[in-house]
Amino acid sequence: MVGAAFLMATSAIGPGFLTTTTVFTHALLASCGFAILISIILDIGAQLNIWRVLAVTEKRAQDVANELLPGLGYFLSGLILLGGVAFNVGNIAGTGLGFNVLFGMDVLTGAAVSAVIAIMIFMVKEFGAVMDWFARILGFVMIALTLYVAVIAQPPLKEVAIRMFVPEEINWSMIITLVGGTVGGYITFSGGHRLLDAGIKGQQHLREVSRSAVTAIGLASLMRFLLFLAVLGVVAKGFSPDPANPPASVFRQAAGEIGYRIFGLVMWAAAITSVIGSAYTSVSFIKTFHSRIRENEKIIIILFIVISLLIYVAVGNPVKVLIAVGALNGFILPVALAVMLAAAYRKKLVGSYKHPAILLVFGIAVAAATAAMSIYTILKDWNKIFSF
């Protein structure tokens, strides 16, 4: 259960997570604490809905969707795979950047070495246990190093305590973006599917599943909050992050060259764990469709990583692809949540299970908000998003 929590949390903490948190903190200053607090509440509501329904039905999301409406599971899996490949390209790019900062290694070489490390994990016979420990160790490393930088940065804690509840500015678009960055796309399913693979399912395990779900959100949120404090401590003194690499410039400003090296390690750890989480979860969305896929799960996961690496090498920085798929990927959370909420009240799937009304309210709120923001973003920036 701890492994599943860390897998989900470290899947959320990727290169985009680091950059988004830095940019939003620079924009909102101490009031970003309010945005993070609200996003945590919504994250917990979304994740508890999904993980509990997966546990009770004892089925993966695509199978639950197909039982609700034939073909819906294939559609959901297609979205997950498309978004998973696109964002894995960005994750692999992040590993290259991390190695470049740490060792001065060429970015492409660093990305290739990191891909090999990820592949080696899946070549182990019991790769699930290795994956759990890998995510756990690097999760602790990221949190510890970011805590160190946050302490060095000396953020205005008194102001943070006030603005978390009485913000000077509220930006709902940023809040929804934070929610999507924590439980959007494939991320929320990574831990839920991992629990199913580990045999932790059924109503008798609901308490453990719920605890693991909340722990996962807690870990990801702790990392985001520590990063927020580190950035705030720097920008509150008048420093403006470098637009080319906001988090790197903040770490360097806070702790000098040591801080910059710390950023390299945090970036690599965040990226490599996201590579692993994305590959594992994306393939878990298709392995129930055919026995051949299930029997060759390791090979397909490795191919997923190799294809992501080759796309990165071929395209370099596929910004347009990432933007387009990222916009479409925003629909995954509302679609998945709607499926889980519908399944929670289908006796054929959940039997005697009674889904808590408060979770239904949370789920509807998150699904509606994320769907509205995705539609708004695509309509507003259609030409910018899809101009290849």
Protein backbone atom coordinates (compact mmCIF):
# COMPACT_ATOMS: atom_id res chain seq x y z
CA MET A 1 0.00 0.00 0.00
CA VAL A 2 2.88 2.36 0.74
CA GLY A 3 4.47 1.43 -2.58
CA ALA A 4 1.23 2.25 -4.42
CA ALA A 5 1.03 5.59 -2.62
CA PHE A 6 4.60 6.50 -3.58
CA LEU A 7 4.09 5.29 -7.17
CA MET A 8 1.12 7.61 -7.57
CA ALA A 9 2.82 10.53 -5.79
CA THR A 10 6.07 10.27 -7.74
CA SER A 11 4.11 9.86 -10.99
CA ALA A 12 2.51 13.23 -10.22
CA ILE A 13 5.83 14.88 -9.31
CA GLY A 14 7.32 15.29 -12.77
CA PRO A 15 9.06 18.10 -14.69
CA GLY A 16 5.72 19.85 -15.29
CA PHE A 17 4.88 19.65 -11.57
CA LEU A 18 8.10 21.46 -10.66
CA THR A 19 7.70 24.16 -13.31
CA THR A 20 3.99 24.80 -12.74
CA THR A 21 4.40 25.16 -8.97
CA THR A 22 7.27 27.61 -9.44
CA VAL A 23 5.43 29.75 -12.01
CA PHE A 24 2.20 29.86 -9.99
CA THR A 25 4.06 30.79 -6.80
CA HIS A 26 5.79 33.64 -8.61
CA ALA A 27 2.40 34.85 -9.88
CA LEU A 28 0.36 34.52 -6.66
CA LEU A 29 3.09 34.77 -4.00
CA ALA A 30 1.80 33.70 -0.56
CA SER A 31 -1.76 33.38 -1.90
CA CYS A 32 -0.59 30.34 -3.87
CA GLY A 33 -0.89 28.51 -0.55
CA PHE A 34 -4.67 28.91 -0.79
CA ALA A 35 -4.64 27.50 -4.33
CA ILE A 36 -2.63 24.51 -3.13
CA LEU A 37 -4.94 23.95 -0.15
CA ILE A 38 -8.10 23.95 -2.30
CA SER A 39 -6.45 21.71 -4.89
CA ILE A 40 -5.51 19.20 -2.16
CA ILE A 41 -9.15 18.96 -1.04
CA LEU A 42 -10.30 18.40 -4.64
CA ASP A 43 -7.47 15.92 -5.25
CA ILE A 44 -8.50 13.81 -2.27
CA GLY A 45 -12.14 13.82 -3.41
CA ALA A 46 -11.21 12.71 -6.93
CA GLN A 47 -8.71 10.06 -5.85
CA LEU A 48 -10.90 8.50 -3.17
CA ASN A 49 -13.76 8.13 -5.67
CA ILE A 50 -11.55 6.39 -8.23
CA TRP A 51 -9.53 4.13 -5.92
CA ARG A 52 -12.53 2.98 -3.86
CA VAL A 53 -14.57 2.07 -6.94
CA LEU A 54 -11.61 0.20 -8.47
CA ALA A 55 -11.17 -1.72 -5.22
CA VAL A 56 -14.86 -2.58 -4.82
CA THR A 57 -15.38 -3.66 -8.44
CA GLU A 58 -11.99 -5.44 -8.40
CA LYS A 59 -11.56 -4.30 -11.99
CA ARG A 60 -9.28 -1.86 -13.79
CA ALA A 61 -10.74 1.39 -15.05
CA GLN A 62 -11.03 0.28 -18.68
CA ASP A 63 -12.97 -2.85 -17.71
CA VAL A 64 -15.32 -0.87 -15.47
CA ALA A 65 -15.91 1.57 -18.34
CA ASN A 66 -16.60 -1.21 -20.85
CA GLU A 67 -19.16 -2.79 -18.53
CA LEU A 68 -20.93 0.54 -18.15
CA LEU A 69 -20.97 1.21 -21.89
CA PRO A 70 -19.41 -1.14 -24.44
CA GLY A 71 -16.48 0.59 -26.14
CA LEU A 72 -16.08 3.29 -23.47
CA GLY A 73 -13.14 1.44 -21.93
CA TYR A 74 -11.33 1.35 -25.27
CA PHE A 75 -11.91 5.08 -25.68
CA LEU A 76 -10.58 5.80 -22.18
CA SER A 77 -7.55 3.56 -22.78
CA GLY A 78 -6.84 5.38 -26.04
CA LEU A 79 -6.83 8.71 -24.22
CA ILE A 80 -4.53 7.34 -21.53
CA LEU A 81 -2.07 5.85 -24.05
CA LEU A 82 -1.99 9.02 -26.17
CA GLY A 83 -1.41 11.25 -23.18
CA GLY A 84 0.98 8.77 -21.58
CA VAL A 85 3.31 8.65 -24.59
CA ALA A 86 3.26 12.42 -25.06
CA PHE A 87 4.03 13.20 -21.45
CA ASN A 88 6.58 10.43 -21.22
CA VAL A 89 8.51 12.24 -23.95
CA GLY A 90 8.58 15.25 -21.63
CA ASN A 91 9.52 13.05 -18.65
CA ILE A 92 12.44 11.53 -20.57
CA ALA A 93 13.55 15.02 -21.57
CA GLY A 94 13.49 15.89 -17.86
CA THR A 95 15.82 12.99 -17.01
CA GLY A 96 18.29 14.28 -19.60
CA LEU A 97 18.12 17.76 -18.13
CA GLY A 98 18.69 16.37 -14.64
CA PHE A 99 21.81 14.46 -15.68
CA ASN A 100 23.05 17.52 -17.58
CA VAL A 101 22.86 19.63 -14.41
CA LEU A 102 24.38 16.90 -12.22
CA PHE A 103 27.21 15.67 -14.42
CA GLY A 104 27.40 18.04 -17.39
CA MET A 105 26.26 15.11 -19.56
CA ASP A 106 24.73 15.81 -22.97
CA VAL A 107 20.93 15.98 -22.57
CA LEU A 108 20.21 13.29 -25.18
CA THR A 109 22.85 10.98 -23.67
CA GLY A 110 21.41 11.55 -20.20
CA ALA A 111 17.92 10.76 -21.48
CA ALA A 112 19.15 7.53 -23.11
CA VAL A 113 21.00 6.40 -19.94
CA SER A 114 17.91 7.15 -17.84
CA ALA A 115 15.69 5.19 -20.23
CA VAL A 116 18.04 2.21 -19.84
CA ILE A 117 17.78 2.49 -16.03
CA ALA A 118 13.98 2.49 -16.26
CA ILE A 119 14.03 -0.49 -18.62
CA MET A 120 16.31 -2.45 -16.26
CA ILE A 121 13.71 -2.11 -13.49
CA PHE A 122 11.07 -3.75 -15.68
CA MET A 123 13.45 -6.55 -16.70
CA VAL A 124 13.51 -7.84 -13.12
CA LYS A 125 11.20 -10.82 -12.52
CA GLU A 126 9.33 -9.19 -9.62
CA PHE A 127 9.45 -5.70 -11.11
CA GLY A 128 6.47 -4.55 -9.05
CA ALA A 129 8.40 -4.75 -5.78
CA VAL A 130 11.47 -3.07 -7.32
CA MET A 131 9.28 -0.33 -8.77
CA ASP A 132 7.69 0.27 -5.36
CA TRP A 133 11.06 0.59 -3.61
CA PHE A 134 12.52 2.77 -6.36
CA ALA A 135 9.58 5.19 -6.12
CA ARG A 136 9.77 5.16 -2.32
CA ILE A 137 13.51 5.93 -2.11
CA LEU A 138 13.47 8.68 -4.74
CA GLY A 139 10.28 10.11 -3.23
CA PHE A 140 12.03 10.52 0.12
CA VAL A 141 15.08 12.01 -1.62
CA MET A 142 13.00 14.64 -3.45
CA ILE A 143 11.10 15.65 -0.33
CA ALA A 144 14.23 15.83 1.85
CA LEU A 145 16.21 17.93 -0.65
CA THR A 146 13.33 20.31 -1.31
CA LEU A 147 12.83 20.72 2.45
CA TYR A 148 16.50 21.71 2.74
CA VAL A 149 16.14 24.37 0.03
CA ALA A 150 12.90 25.62 1.61
CA VAL A 151 14.66 26.10 4.95
CA ILE A 152 17.58 27.91 3.29
CA ALA A 153 15.17 30.16 1.35
CA GLN A 154 13.55 31.42 4.60
CA PRO A 155 9.97 31.97 3.33
CA PRO A 156 7.62 34.36 5.21
CA LEU A 157 5.80 31.66 7.17
CA LYS A 158 3.52 34.06 9.05
CA GLU A 159 2.20 35.50 5.80
CA VAL A 160 1.80 32.01 4.36
CA ALA A 161 -0.33 30.97 7.35
CA ILE A 162 -2.61 33.98 6.78
CA ARG A 163 -2.87 33.83 2.98
CA MET A 164 -3.64 30.11 2.95
CA PHE A 165 -7.05 31.01 4.36
CA VAL A 166 -7.38 34.71 3.45
CA PRO A 167 -5.81 35.01 -0.02
CA GLU A 168 -5.25 38.33 -1.73
CA GLU A 169 -5.97 36.72 -5.09
CA ILE A 170 -7.87 33.60 -6.16
CA ASN A 171 -7.16 32.10 -9.57
CA TRP A 172 -9.48 29.17 -10.27
CA SER A 173 -7.74 28.36 -13.53
CA MET A 174 -4.50 27.78 -11.62
CA ILE A 175 -6.31 25.69 -9.00
CA ILE A 176 -7.78 23.39 -11.65
CA THR A 177 -4.37 23.16 -13.31
CA LEU A 178 -2.87 22.06 -9.98
CA VAL A 179 -5.62 19.43 -9.63
CA GLY A 180 -4.94 18.14 -13.14
CA GLY A 181 -1.23 18.03 -12.42
CA THR A 182 -1.79 15.83 -9.37
CA VAL A 183 -4.64 13.50 -10.35
CA GLY A 184 -5.05 14.16 -14.09
CA GLY A 185 -4.38 11.80 -16.98
CA TYR A 186 -2.93 8.42 -16.03
CA ILE A 187 -1.62 9.61 -12.64
CA THR A 188 -4.51 8.79 -10.30
CA PHE A 189 -4.79 5.28 -11.77
CA SER A 190 -1.13 4.39 -11.22
CA GLY A 191 -1.57 3.57 -7.54
CA GLY A 192 -5.10 2.20 -7.93
CA HIS A 193 -4.04 -0.30 -10.59
CA ARG A 194 -0.92 -1.15 -8.58
CA LEU A 195 -3.12 -2.14 -5.61
CA LEU A 196 -5.19 -4.39 -7.88
CA ASP A 197 -2.03 -6.06 -9.17
CA ALA A 198 -0.94 -6.60 -5.55
CA GLY A 199 -4.28 -8.23 -4.70
CA ILE A 200 -5.46 -5.45 -2.37
CA LYS A 201 -9.10 -5.23 -3.44
CA GLY A 202 -12.65 -5.91 -2.29
CA GLN A 203 -14.79 -4.21 0.36
CA GLN A 204 -12.73 -5.83 3.13
CA HIS A 205 -9.74 -3.70 2.04
CA LEU A 206 -11.57 -0.37 1.61
CA ARG A 207 -10.04 1.16 4.73
CA GLU A 208 -6.51 0.34 3.57
CA VAL A 209 -7.24 1.52 0.02
CA SER A 210 -8.64 4.83 1.30
CA ARG A 211 -5.64 5.31 3.58
CA SER A 212 -3.25 4.61 0.70
CA ALA A 213 -5.15 7.05 -1.55
CA VAL A 214 -4.97 9.86 0.99
CA THR A 215 -1.31 9.08 1.74
CA ALA A 216 -0.49 9.38 -1.96
CA ILE A 217 -2.14 12.80 -2.21
CA GLY A 218 -0.43 13.80 1.04
CA LEU A 219 3.01 12.92 -0.31
CA ALA A 220 2.52 14.76 -3.60
CA SER A 221 1.02 17.74 -1.78
CA LEU A 222 3.89 17.82 0.75
CA MET A 223 6.35 18.05 -2.13
CA ARG A 224 4.30 20.80 -3.78
CA PHE A 225 4.01 22.76 -0.54
CA LEU A 226 7.74 22.52 0.22
CA LEU A 227 8.54 23.65 -3.32
CA PHE A 228 6.06 26.51 -2.89
CA LEU A 229 7.84 27.61 0.30
CA ALA A 230 11.25 27.38 -1.36
CA VAL A 231 10.13 29.47 -4.33
CA LEU A 232 8.26 31.97 -2.16
CA GLY A 233 11.30 32.52 0.02
CA VAL A 234 13.27 33.53 -3.07
CA VAL A 235 10.69 35.57 -5.02
CA ALA A 236 9.53 37.42 -1.88
CA LYS A 237 12.98 39.01 -1.86
CA GLY A 238 12.46 40.36 -5.36
CA PHE A 239 13.99 37.59 -7.47
CA SER A 240 12.28 36.71 -10.77
CA PRO A 241 12.71 33.09 -11.91
CA ASP A 242 14.37 32.52 -15.28
CA PRO A 243 11.54 31.78 -17.79
CA ALA A 244 13.77 29.23 -19.55
CA ASN A 245 14.00 27.06 -16.40
CA PRO A 246 12.11 28.59 -13.44
CA PRO A 247 12.74 25.92 -10.75
CA ALA A 248 16.46 25.62 -11.55
CA SER A 249 16.98 29.36 -11.21
CA VAL A 250 15.12 29.39 -7.88
CA PHE A 251 17.18 26.52 -6.41
CA ARG A 252 20.40 28.23 -7.52
CA GLN A 253 19.32 31.58 -6.09
CA ALA A 254 18.36 29.97 -2.77
CA ALA A 255 21.41 27.77 -2.21
CA GLY A 256 24.00 28.71 -4.81
CA GLU A 257 25.79 26.05 -6.84
CA ILE A 258 24.82 23.37 -4.31
CA GLY A 259 21.19 24.36 -4.80
CA TYR A 260 21.60 24.03 -8.56
CA ARG A 261 23.00 20.51 -8.17
CA ILE A 262 20.15 19.68 -5.81
CA PHE A 263 17.74 20.81 -8.50
CA GLY A 264 19.45 18.44 -10.94
CA LEU A 265 18.92 15.49 -8.62
CA VAL A 266 15.32 16.49 -7.83
CA MET A 267 14.56 16.96 -11.54
CA TRP A 268 16.07 13.58 -12.44
CA ALA A 269 14.27 11.79 -9.60
CA ALA A 270 10.96 13.45 -10.51
CA ALA A 271 11.36 12.63 -14.19
CA ILE A 272 12.58 9.02 -13.92
CA THR A 273 9.82 8.04 -11.47
CA SER A 274 7.27 9.65 -13.80
CA VAL A 275 8.71 7.68 -16.74
CA ILE A 276 8.23 4.46 -14.77
CA GLY A 277 4.76 5.40 -13.51
CA SER A 278 3.56 6.46 -16.95
CA ALA A 279 4.85 3.33 -18.70
CA TYR A 280 3.45 0.94 -16.07
CA THR A 281 0.03 2.62 -15.85
CA SER A 282 -0.44 3.18 -19.58
CA VAL A 283 0.18 -0.50 -20.33
CA SER A 284 -2.10 -1.52 -17.44
CA PHE A 285 -4.93 0.08 -19.43
CA ILE A 286 -4.58 -2.40 -22.29
CA LYS A 287 -3.30 -5.60 -20.69
CA THR A 288 -6.80 -6.90 -19.92
CA PHE A 289 -7.89 -6.65 -23.56
CA HIS A 290 -6.00 -9.74 -24.73
CA SER A 291 -4.08 -12.58 -23.10
CA ARG A 292 -1.05 -11.93 -25.35
CA ILE A 293 -0.77 -8.40 -23.99
CA ARG A 294 -0.97 -9.64 -20.41
CA GLU A 295 1.62 -12.35 -21.03
CA ASN A 296 4.03 -9.87 -22.64
CA GLU A 297 3.42 -6.96 -20.25
CA LYS A 298 7.14 -6.41 -19.53
CA ILE A 299 8.06 -6.30 -23.22
CA ILE A 300 5.27 -3.83 -24.01
CA ILE A 301 6.26 -1.57 -21.10
CA ILE A 302 9.86 -1.58 -22.33
CA LEU A 303 8.68 -0.79 -25.89
CA PHE A 304 6.61 2.08 -24.47
CA ILE A 305 9.75 3.58 -22.91
CA VAL A 306 11.84 3.00 -26.05
CA ILE A 307 9.22 4.62 -28.30
CA SER A 308 9.04 7.64 -25.98
CA LEU A 309 12.84 7.96 -26.10
CA LEU A 310 12.93 7.65 -29.91
CA ILE A 311 10.28 10.36 -30.29
CA TYR A 312 12.30 12.64 -28.04
CA VAL A 313 15.52 11.95 -29.99
CA ALA A 314 13.77 12.44 -33.34
CA VAL A 315 11.76 15.55 -32.50
CA GLY A 316 14.02 17.07 -29.84
CA ASN A 317 11.56 19.24 -27.94
CA PRO A 318 8.08 18.27 -29.18
CA VAL A 319 6.41 21.34 -27.70
CA LYS A 320 3.49 21.41 -30.14
CA VAL A 321 2.68 17.74 -29.64
CA LEU A 322 2.86 18.10 -25.87
CA ILE A 323 0.58 21.16 -25.90
CA ALA A 324 -2.03 19.53 -28.14
CA VAL A 325 -2.14 16.20 -26.32
CA GLY A 326 -1.95 18.00 -22.99
CA ALA A 327 -5.11 19.93 -23.82
CA LEU A 328 -6.93 16.75 -24.84
CA ASN A 329 -5.49 14.96 -21.80
CA GLY A 330 -7.43 17.37 -19.62
CA PHE A 331 -10.58 15.46 -20.53
CA ILE A 332 -9.31 12.22 -19.01
CA LEU A 333 -9.99 13.12 -15.37
CA PRO A 334 -13.64 14.24 -15.88
CA VAL A 335 -14.37 11.25 -18.15
CA ALA A 336 -12.74 8.79 -15.73
CA LEU A 337 -14.45 10.36 -12.72
CA ALA A 338 -17.84 10.26 -14.42
CA VAL A 339 -17.30 6.58 -15.21
CA MET A 340 -16.30 5.79 -11.61
CA LEU A 341 -19.23 7.73 -10.15
CA ALA A 342 -21.69 5.93 -12.43
CA ALA A 343 -20.11 2.58 -11.56
CA ALA A 344 -20.35 3.34 -7.83
CA TYR A 345 -24.14 3.13 -8.12
CA ARG A 346 -24.34 0.13 -10.46
CA LYS A 347 -25.18 -2.89 -8.27
CA LYS A 348 -23.98 -5.26 -10.95
CA LEU A 349 -20.48 -3.86 -10.40
CA VAL A 350 -20.35 -2.94 -6.70
CA GLY A 351 -22.87 -5.33 -5.14
CA SER A 352 -23.96 -4.19 -1.67
CA TYR A 353 -21.41 -1.37 -1.46
CA LYS A 354 -22.84 2.06 -0.52
CA HIS A 355 -20.79 4.94 -1.91
CA PRO A 356 -20.49 7.92 0.51
CA ALA A 357 -22.60 10.91 -0.58
CA ILE A 358 -19.82 13.36 0.29
CA LEU A 359 -17.52 11.63 -2.20
CA LEU A 360 -20.22 11.86 -4.87
CA VAL A 361 -20.44 15.63 -4.30
CA PHE A 362 -16.65 15.98 -4.47
CA GLY A 363 -16.49 13.85 -7.59
CA ILE A 364 -19.16 15.81 -9.44
CA ALA A 365 -17.51 19.12 -8.49
CA VAL A 366 -14.06 18.05 -9.70
CA ALA A 367 -15.39 16.44 -12.90
CA ALA A 368 -17.47 19.50 -13.80
CA ALA A 369 -14.67 21.97 -13.02
CA THR A 370 -11.96 20.11 -14.93
CA ALA A 371 -14.25 19.48 -17.92
CA ALA A 372 -15.22 23.16 -18.06
CA MET A 373 -11.61 24.32 -17.84
CA SER A 374 -10.52 21.88 -20.56
CA ILE A 375 -13.26 23.04 -22.91
CA TYR A 376 -12.48 26.68 -22.14
CA THR A 377 -8.76 26.20 -22.76
CA ILE A 378 -9.26 24.43 -26.08
CA LEU A 379 -11.82 26.95 -27.38
CA LYS A 380 -9.73 29.91 -26.25
CA ASP A 381 -6.41 28.71 -27.67
CA TRP A 382 -7.55 26.41 -30.51
CA ASN A 383 -5.20 27.87 -33.11
CA LYS A 384 -2.26 27.96 -30.71
CA ILE A 385 -2.84 24.39 -29.53
CA PHE A 386 -3.37 22.69 -32.87
CA SER A 387 -1.12 24.74 -35.17
CA PHE A 388 1.47 22.12 -36.13
